[in-house]
Amino acid sequence: MSIVGGKSFIILAVIIGAVFLDTAVIPGFPSLQKIFHLPFGIRELLLFVLAAVAWKSADREAVRGNEFNFSPIRGGY
């Protein structure tokens, strides 16, 4: 048994850590909402970038093997 796409676990660990980057949890953590009046924060921006990096760097064999598609995200079940 082997794990295909093992490097994705590193991205997953960073994603889990990024979830806790919150101005309500970490005093003094910069807030894009307060600085630039944006409707999202550093955490959301980081999670979006990590999702894009995860998709671009994913092992295509693993993606095909898992039969991944964007149908649930698009709303077509």
PDB file of N, CA and C in Angstrom:
ATOM      1  N   MET A   1       0.846  -1.176   0.000  1.00  0.00           N
ATOM      2  CA  MET A   1       0.000   0.000   0.000  1.00  0.00           C
ATOM      3  C   MET A   1       0.894   1.242   0.000  1.00  0.00           C
ATOM      4  N   SER A   2       0.542   2.210  -0.815  1.00  0.00           N
ATOM      5  CA  SER A   2       1.294   3.451  -0.856  1.00  0.00           C
ATOM      6  C   SER A   2       0.322   4.631  -0.933  1.00  0.00           C
ATOM      7  N   ILE A   3       0.837   5.775  -0.565  1.00  0.00           N
ATOM      8  CA  ILE A   3       0.033   6.996  -0.612  1.00  0.00           C
ATOM      9  C   ILE A   3       0.472   7.801  -1.822  1.00  0.00           C
ATOM     10  N   VAL A   4      -0.469   8.051  -2.722  1.00  0.00           N
ATOM     11  CA  VAL A   4      -0.199   8.878  -3.898  1.00  0.00           C
ATOM     12  C   VAL A   4      -0.607  10.301  -3.545  1.00  0.00           C
ATOM     13  N   GLY A   5       0.244  11.260  -3.849  1.00  0.00           N
ATOM     14  CA  GLY A   5      -0.078  12.652  -3.543  1.00  0.00           C
ATOM     15  C   GLY A   5       0.182  13.003  -2.095  1.00  0.00           C
ATOM     16  N   GLY A   6       1.190  12.396  -1.513  1.00  0.00           N
ATOM     17  CA  GLY A   6       1.509  12.632  -0.109  1.00  0.00           C
ATOM     18  C   GLY A   6       1.851  14.073   0.212  1.00  0.00           C
ATOM     19  N   LYS A   7       2.353  14.820  -0.779  1.00  0.00           N
ATOM     20  CA  LYS A   7       2.708  16.226  -0.527  1.00  0.00           C
ATOM     21  C   LYS A   7       1.471  17.060  -0.198  1.00  0.00           C
ATOM     22  N   SER A   8       0.316  16.576  -0.553  1.00  0.00           N
ATOM     23  CA  SER A   8      -0.919  17.307  -0.251  1.00  0.00           C
ATOM     24  C   SER A   8      -1.185  17.350   1.250  1.00  0.00           C
ATOM     25  N   PHE A   9      -0.598  16.426   2.005  1.00  0.00           N
ATOM     26  CA  PHE A   9      -0.787  16.439   3.456  1.00  0.00           C
ATOM     27  C   PHE A   9      -0.133  17.669   4.081  1.00  0.00           C
ATOM     28  N   ILE A  10       0.939  18.158   3.467  1.00  0.00           N
ATOM     29  CA  ILE A  10       1.584  19.378   3.956  1.00  0.00           C
ATOM     30  C   ILE A  10       0.629  20.559   3.776  1.00  0.00           C
ATOM     31  N   ILE A  11       0.009  20.640   2.598  1.00  0.00           N
ATOM     32  CA  ILE A  11      -0.954  21.719   2.343  1.00  0.00           C
ATOM     33  C   ILE A  11      -2.135  21.600   3.298  1.00  0.00           C
ATOM     34  N   LEU A  12      -2.582  20.386   3.544  1.00  0.00           N
ATOM     35  CA  LEU A  12      -3.697  20.167   4.471  1.00  0.00           C
ATOM     36  C   LEU A  12      -3.336  20.652   5.871  1.00  0.00           C
ATOM     37  N   ALA A  13      -2.116  20.381   6.321  1.00  0.00           N
ATOM     38  CA  ALA A  13      -1.682  20.836   7.643  1.00  0.00           C
ATOM     39  C   ALA A  13      -1.669  22.366   7.715  1.00  0.00           C
ATOM     40  N   VAL A  14      -1.221  23.026   6.649  1.00  0.00           N
ATOM     41  CA  VAL A  14      -1.209  24.490   6.624  1.00  0.00           C
ATOM     42  C   VAL A  14      -2.640  25.027   6.617  1.00  0.00           C
ATOM     43  N   ILE A  15      -3.533  24.367   5.897  1.00  0.00           N
ATOM     44  CA  ILE A  15      -4.943  24.780   5.873  1.00  0.00           C
ATOM     45  C   ILE A  15      -5.548  24.685   7.271  1.00  0.00           C
ATOM     46  N   ILE A  16      -5.280  23.584   7.956  1.00  0.00           N
ATOM     47  CA  ILE A  16      -5.812  23.421   9.317  1.00  0.00           C
ATOM     48  C   ILE A  16      -5.268  24.520  10.226  1.00  0.00           C
ATOM     49  N   GLY A  17      -3.984  24.844  10.091  1.00  0.00           N
ATOM     50  CA  GLY A  17      -3.410  25.929  10.880  1.00  0.00           C
ATOM     51  C   GLY A  17      -4.000  27.275  10.521  1.00  0.00           C
ATOM     52  N   ALA A  18      -4.272  27.497   9.242  1.00  0.00           N
ATOM     53  CA  ALA A  18      -4.808  28.780   8.784  1.00  0.00           C
ATOM     54  C   ALA A  18      -6.212  29.039   9.310  1.00  0.00           C
ATOM     55  N   VAL A  19      -6.938  27.997   9.597  1.00  0.00           N
ATOM     56  CA  VAL A  19      -8.298  28.163  10.118  1.00  0.00           C
ATOM     57  C   VAL A  19      -8.279  28.959  11.427  1.00  0.00           C
ATOM     58  N   PHE A  20      -7.205  28.821  12.189  1.00  0.00           N
ATOM     59  CA  PHE A  20      -7.126  29.485  13.488  1.00  0.00           C
ATOM     60  C   PHE A  20      -6.541  30.894  13.419  1.00  0.00           C
ATOM     61  N   LEU A  21      -6.212  31.368  12.209  1.00  0.00           N
ATOM     62  CA  LEU A  21      -5.726  32.742  12.061  1.00  0.00           C
ATOM     63  C   LEU A  21      -6.921  33.686  12.075  1.00  0.00           C
ATOM     64  N   ASP A  22      -7.287  34.093  13.242  1.00  0.00           N
ATOM     65  CA  ASP A  22      -8.479  34.915  13.409  1.00  0.00           C
ATOM     66  C   ASP A  22      -8.166  36.050  14.376  1.00  0.00           C
ATOM     67  N   THR A  23      -8.603  37.237  14.029  1.00  0.00           N
ATOM     68  CA  THR A  23      -8.348  38.394  14.897  1.00  0.00           C
ATOM     69  C   THR A  23      -9.038  38.254  16.247  1.00  0.00           C
ATOM     70  N   ALA A  24     -10.119  37.471  16.317  1.00  0.00           N
ATOM     71  CA  ALA A  24     -10.812  37.252  17.583  1.00  0.00           C
ATOM     72  C   ALA A  24     -10.053  36.264  18.467  1.00  0.00           C
ATOM     73  N   VAL A  25      -9.227  35.420  17.855  1.00  0.00           N
ATOM     74  CA  VAL A  25      -8.485  34.397  18.603  1.00  0.00           C
ATOM     75  C   VAL A  25      -7.075  34.873  18.939  1.00  0.00           C
ATOM     76  N   ILE A  26      -6.436  35.573  17.998  1.00  0.00           N
ATOM     77  CA  ILE A  26      -5.053  36.024  18.175  1.00  0.00           C
ATOM     78  C   ILE A  26      -5.054  37.546  18.306  1.00  0.00           C
ATOM     79  N   PRO A  27      -4.877  38.053  19.515  1.00  0.00           N
ATOM     80  CA  PRO A  27      -4.851  39.515  19.697  1.00  0.00           C
ATOM     81  C   PRO A  27      -3.688  40.134  18.912  1.00  0.00           C
ATOM     82  N   GLY A  28      -3.963  41.222  18.235  1.00  0.00           N
ATOM     83  CA  GLY A  28      -2.934  41.912  17.473  1.00  0.00           C
ATOM     84  C   GLY A  28      -2.721  41.385  16.067  1.00  0.00           C
ATOM     85  N   PHE A  29      -3.434  40.327  15.687  1.00  0.00           N
ATOM     86  CA  PHE A  29      -3.308  39.787  14.331  1.00  0.00           C
ATOM     87  C   PHE A  29      -3.934  40.790  13.360  1.00  0.00           C
ATOM     88  N   PRO A  30      -3.223  41.159  12.287  1.00  0.00           N
ATOM     89  CA  PRO A  30      -3.749  42.182  11.374  1.00  0.00           C
ATOM     90  C   PRO A  30      -5.056  41.755  10.698  1.00  0.00           C
ATOM     91  N   SER A  31      -5.920  42.716  10.484  1.00  0.00           N
ATOM     92  CA  SER A  31      -7.221  42.462   9.871  1.00  0.00           C
ATOM     93  C   SER A  31      -7.366  43.274   8.591  1.00  0.00           C
ATOM     94  N   LEU A  32      -7.597  42.573   7.475  1.00  0.00           N
ATOM     95  CA  LEU A  32      -7.817  43.280   6.211  1.00  0.00           C
ATOM     96  C   LEU A  32      -9.124  44.062   6.237  1.00  0.00           C
ATOM     97  N   GLN A  33     -10.083  43.584   7.043  1.00  0.00           N
ATOM     98  CA  GLN A  33     -11.349  44.304   7.143  1.00  0.00           C
ATOM     99  C   GLN A  33     -11.136  45.684   7.742  1.00  0.00           C
ATOM    100  N   LYS A  34     -10.279  45.769   8.757  1.00  0.00           N
ATOM    101  CA  LYS A  34     -10.036  47.065   9.412  1.00  0.00           C
ATOM    102  C   LYS A  34      -9.069  47.927   8.609  1.00  0.00           C
ATOM    103  N   ILE A  35      -8.061  47.308   7.991  1.00  0.00           N
ATOM    104  CA  ILE A  35      -7.040  48.073   7.281  1.00  0.00           C
ATOM    105  C   ILE A  35      -7.561  48.601   5.945  1.00  0.00           C
ATOM    106  N   PHE A  36      -8.156  47.701   5.127  1.00  0.00           N
ATOM    107  CA  PHE A  36      -8.583  48.069   3.770  1.00  0.00           C
ATOM    108  C   PHE A  36     -10.091  48.054   3.585  1.00  0.00           C
ATOM    109  N   HIS A  37     -10.849  47.779   4.639  1.00  0.00           N
ATOM    110  CA  HIS A  37     -12.312  47.712   4.583  1.00  0.00           C
ATOM    111  C   HIS A  37     -12.793  46.680   3.556  1.00  0.00           C
ATOM    112  N   LEU A  38     -12.123  45.532   3.531  1.00  0.00           N
ATOM    113  CA  LEU A  38     -12.497  44.439   2.631  1.00  0.00           C
ATOM    114  C   LEU A  38     -13.473  43.507   3.337  1.00  0.00           C
ATOM    115  N   PRO A  39     -14.323  42.808   2.567  1.00  0.00           N
ATOM    116  CA  PRO A  39     -15.290  41.901   3.189  1.00  0.00           C
ATOM    117  C   PRO A  39     -14.697  40.547   3.570  1.00  0.00           C
ATOM    118  N   PHE A  40     -13.368  40.395   3.491  1.00  0.00           N
ATOM    119  CA  PHE A  40     -12.705  39.151   3.863  1.00  0.00           C
ATOM    120  C   PHE A  40     -11.399  39.485   4.559  1.00  0.00           C
ATOM    121  N   GLY A  41     -10.847  38.500   5.236  1.00  0.00           N
ATOM    122  CA  GLY A  41      -9.629  38.731   5.991  1.00  0.00           C
ATOM    123  C   GLY A  41      -8.437  37.979   5.433  1.00  0.00           C
ATOM    124  N   ILE A  42      -7.336  38.058   6.157  1.00  0.00           N
ATOM    125  CA  ILE A  42      -6.111  37.375   5.754  1.00  0.00           C
ATOM    126  C   ILE A  42      -6.338  35.869   5.717  1.00  0.00           C
ATOM    127  N   ARG A  43      -7.083  35.346   6.685  1.00  0.00           N
ATOM    128  CA  ARG A  43      -7.346  33.909   6.731  1.00  0.00           C
ATOM    129  C   ARG A  43      -8.059  33.448   5.457  1.00  0.00           C
ATOM    130  N   GLU A  44      -9.086  34.161   5.040  1.00  0.00           N
ATOM    131  CA  GLU A  44      -9.833  33.768   3.843  1.00  0.00           C
ATOM    132  C   GLU A  44      -8.962  33.869   2.598  1.00  0.00           C
ATOM    133  N   LEU A  45      -8.156  34.909   2.521  1.00  0.00           N
ATOM    134  CA  LEU A  45      -7.245  35.067   1.386  1.00  0.00           C
ATOM    135  C   LEU A  45      -6.241  33.917   1.344  1.00  0.00           C
ATOM    136  N   LEU A  46      -5.675  33.585   2.501  1.00  0.00           N
ATOM    137  CA  LEU A  46      -4.716  32.479   2.585  1.00  0.00           C
ATOM    138  C   LEU A  46      -5.371  31.154   2.207  1.00  0.00           C
ATOM    139  N   LEU A  47      -6.587  30.901   2.677  1.00  0.00           N
ATOM    140  CA  LEU A  47      -7.281  29.653   2.357  1.00  0.00           C
ATOM    141  C   LEU A  47      -7.575  29.557   0.862  1.00  0.00           C
ATOM    142  N   PHE A  48      -7.941  30.670   0.234  1.00  0.00           N
ATOM    143  CA  PHE A  48      -8.180  30.665  -1.210  1.00  0.00           C
ATOM    144  C   PHE A  48      -6.891  30.338  -1.962  1.00  0.00           C
ATOM    145  N   VAL A  49      -5.789  30.973  -1.567  1.00  0.00           N
ATOM    146  CA  VAL A  49      -4.498  30.712  -2.220  1.00  0.00           C
ATOM    147  C   VAL A  49      -4.080  29.257  -2.009  1.00  0.00           C
ATOM    148  N   LEU A  50      -4.261  28.745  -0.808  1.00  0.00           N
ATOM    149  CA  LEU A  50      -3.907  27.347  -0.537  1.00  0.00           C
ATOM    150  C   LEU A  50      -4.763  26.379  -1.348  1.00  0.00           C
ATOM    151  N   ALA A  51      -6.039  26.700  -1.526  1.00  0.00           N
ATOM    152  CA  ALA A  51      -6.904  25.847  -2.349  1.00  0.00           C
ATOM    153  C   ALA A  51      -6.420  25.822  -3.791  1.00  0.00           C
ATOM    154  N   ALA A  52      -6.024  26.986  -4.312  1.00  0.00           N
ATOM    155  CA  ALA A  52      -5.512  27.054  -5.683  1.00  0.00           C
ATOM    156  C   ALA A  52      -4.194  26.292  -5.810  1.00  0.00           C
ATOM    157  N   VAL A  53      -3.302  26.445  -4.834  1.00  0.00           N
ATOM    158  CA  VAL A  53      -2.021  25.731  -4.856  1.00  0.00           C
ATOM    159  C   VAL A  53      -2.258  24.223  -4.756  1.00  0.00           C
ATOM    160  N   ALA A  54      -3.182  23.824  -3.893  1.00  0.00           N
ATOM    161  CA  ALA A  54      -3.482  22.396  -3.742  1.00  0.00           C
ATOM    162  C   ALA A  54      -4.000  21.810  -5.049  1.00  0.00           C
ATOM    163  N   TRP A  55      -4.878  22.537  -5.726  1.00  0.00           N
ATOM    164  CA  TRP A  55      -5.433  22.045  -6.989  1.00  0.00           C
ATOM    165  C   TRP A  55      -4.359  21.964  -8.068  1.00  0.00           C
ATOM    166  N   LYS A  56      -3.540  23.006  -8.173  1.00  0.00           N
ATOM    167  CA  LYS A  56      -2.502  23.045  -9.212  1.00  0.00           C
ATOM    168  C   LYS A  56      -1.408  22.014  -8.963  1.00  0.00           C
ATOM    169  N   SER A  57      -1.104  21.735  -7.704  1.00  0.00           N
ATOM    170  CA  SER A  57      -0.008  20.822  -7.401  1.00  0.00           C
ATOM    171  C   SER A  57      -0.472  19.386  -7.135  1.00  0.00           C
ATOM    172  N   ALA A  58      -1.777  19.146  -7.210  1.00  0.00           N
ATOM    173  CA  ALA A  58      -2.303  17.808  -6.928  1.00  0.00           C
ATOM    174  C   ALA A  58      -1.825  16.798  -7.963  1.00  0.00           C
ATOM    175  N   ASP A  59      -1.558  15.605  -7.488  1.00  0.00           N
ATOM    176  CA  ASP A  59      -1.174  14.507  -8.371  1.00  0.00           C
ATOM    177  C   ASP A  59      -2.397  14.125  -9.201  1.00  0.00           C
ATOM    178  N   ARG A  60      -2.313  14.290 -10.500  1.00  0.00           N
ATOM    179  CA  ARG A  60      -3.471  14.051 -11.385  1.00  0.00           C
ATOM    180  C   ARG A  60      -3.940  12.601 -11.316  1.00  0.00           C
ATOM    181  N   GLU A  61      -3.029  11.681 -11.070  1.00  0.00           N
ATOM    182  CA  GLU A  61      -3.413  10.267 -10.928  1.00  0.00           C
ATOM    183  C   GLU A  61      -4.316  10.095  -9.703  1.00  0.00           C
ATOM    184  N   ALA A  62      -3.970  10.776  -8.618  1.00  0.00           N
ATOM    185  CA  ALA A  62      -4.783  10.703  -7.402  1.00  0.00           C
ATOM    186  C   ALA A  62      -6.146  11.347  -7.621  1.00  0.00           C
ATOM    187  N   VAL A  63      -6.178  12.468  -8.329  1.00  0.00           N
ATOM    188  CA  VAL A  63      -7.448  13.157  -8.604  1.00  0.00           C
ATOM    189  C   VAL A  63      -8.364  12.256  -9.431  1.00  0.00           C
ATOM    190  N   ARG A  64      -7.796  11.637 -10.466  1.00  0.00           N
ATOM    191  CA  ARG A  64      -8.595  10.708 -11.296  1.00  0.00           C
ATOM    192  C   ARG A  64      -9.029   9.494 -10.490  1.00  0.00           C
ATOM    193  N   GLY A  65      -8.115   8.959  -9.671  1.00  0.00           N
ATOM    194  CA  GLY A  65      -8.431   7.781  -8.857  1.00  0.00           C
ATOM    195  C   GLY A  65      -9.539   8.038  -7.857  1.00  0.00           C
ATOM    196  N   ASN A  66      -9.617   9.266  -7.355  1.00  0.00           N
ATOM    197  CA  ASN A  66     -10.672   9.633  -6.411  1.00  0.00           C
ATOM    198  C   ASN A  66     -11.949  10.075  -7.116  1.00  0.00           C
ATOM    199  N   GLU A  67     -11.904  10.109  -8.445  1.00  0.00           N
ATOM    200  CA  GLU A  67     -13.046  10.535  -9.263  1.00  0.00           C
ATOM    201  C   GLU A  67     -13.544  11.917  -8.836  1.00  0.00           C
ATOM    202  N   PHE A  68     -12.597  12.816  -8.585  1.00  0.00           N
ATOM    203  CA  PHE A  68     -12.950  14.165  -8.146  1.00  0.00           C
ATOM    204  C   PHE A  68     -13.508  14.977  -9.303  1.00  0.00           C
ATOM    205  N   ASN A  69     -14.525  15.779  -9.019  1.00  0.00           N
ATOM    206  CA  ASN A  69     -15.022  16.772  -9.969  1.00  0.00           C
ATOM    207  C   ASN A  69     -15.653  17.913  -9.173  1.00  0.00           C
ATOM    208  N   PHE A  70     -15.960  18.994  -9.851  1.00  0.00           N
ATOM    209  CA  PHE A  70     -16.505  20.175  -9.191  1.00  0.00           C
ATOM    210  C   PHE A  70     -18.034  20.209  -9.212  1.00  0.00           C
ATOM    211  N   SER A  71     -18.673  19.128  -9.553  1.00  0.00           N
ATOM    212  CA  SER A  71     -20.123  19.101  -9.667  1.00  0.00           C
ATOM    213  C   SER A  71     -20.845  19.545  -8.388  1.00  0.00           C
ATOM    214  N   PRO A  72     -20.476  19.059  -7.199  1.00  0.00           N
ATOM    215  CA  PRO A  72     -21.179  19.522  -5.993  1.00  0.00           C
ATOM    216  C   PRO A  72     -20.992  21.021  -5.738  1.00  0.00           C
ATOM    217  N   ILE A  73     -19.838  21.562  -6.111  1.00  0.00           N
ATOM    218  CA  ILE A  73     -19.590  22.981  -5.897  1.00  0.00           C
ATOM    219  C   ILE A  73     -20.434  23.817  -6.855  1.00  0.00           C
ATOM    220  N   ARG A  74     -20.580  23.337  -8.066  1.00  0.00           N
ATOM    221  CA  ARG A  74     -21.373  24.052  -9.074  1.00  0.00           C
ATOM    222  C   ARG A  74     -22.872  23.908  -8.818  1.00  0.00           C
ATOM    223  N   GLY A  75     -23.258  22.967  -7.997  1.00  0.00           N
ATOM    224  CA  GLY A  75     -24.667  22.785  -7.685  1.00  0.00           C
ATOM    225  C   GLY A  75     -25.340  21.679  -8.476  1.00  0.00           C
ATOM    226  N   GLY A  76     -24.601  20.991  -9.324  1.00  0.00           N
ATOM    227  CA  GLY A  76     -25.179  19.886 -10.087  1.00  0.00           C
ATOM    228  C   GLY A  76     -24.820  18.554  -9.484  1.00  0.00           C
ATOM    229  N   TYR A  77     -25.769  17.922  -8.850  1.00  0.00           N
ATOM    230  CA  TYR A  77     -25.497  16.637  -8.202  1.00  0.00           C
ATOM    231  C   TYR A  77     -25.766  15.568  -9.185  1.00  0.00           C
TER     232      TYR A  77
END
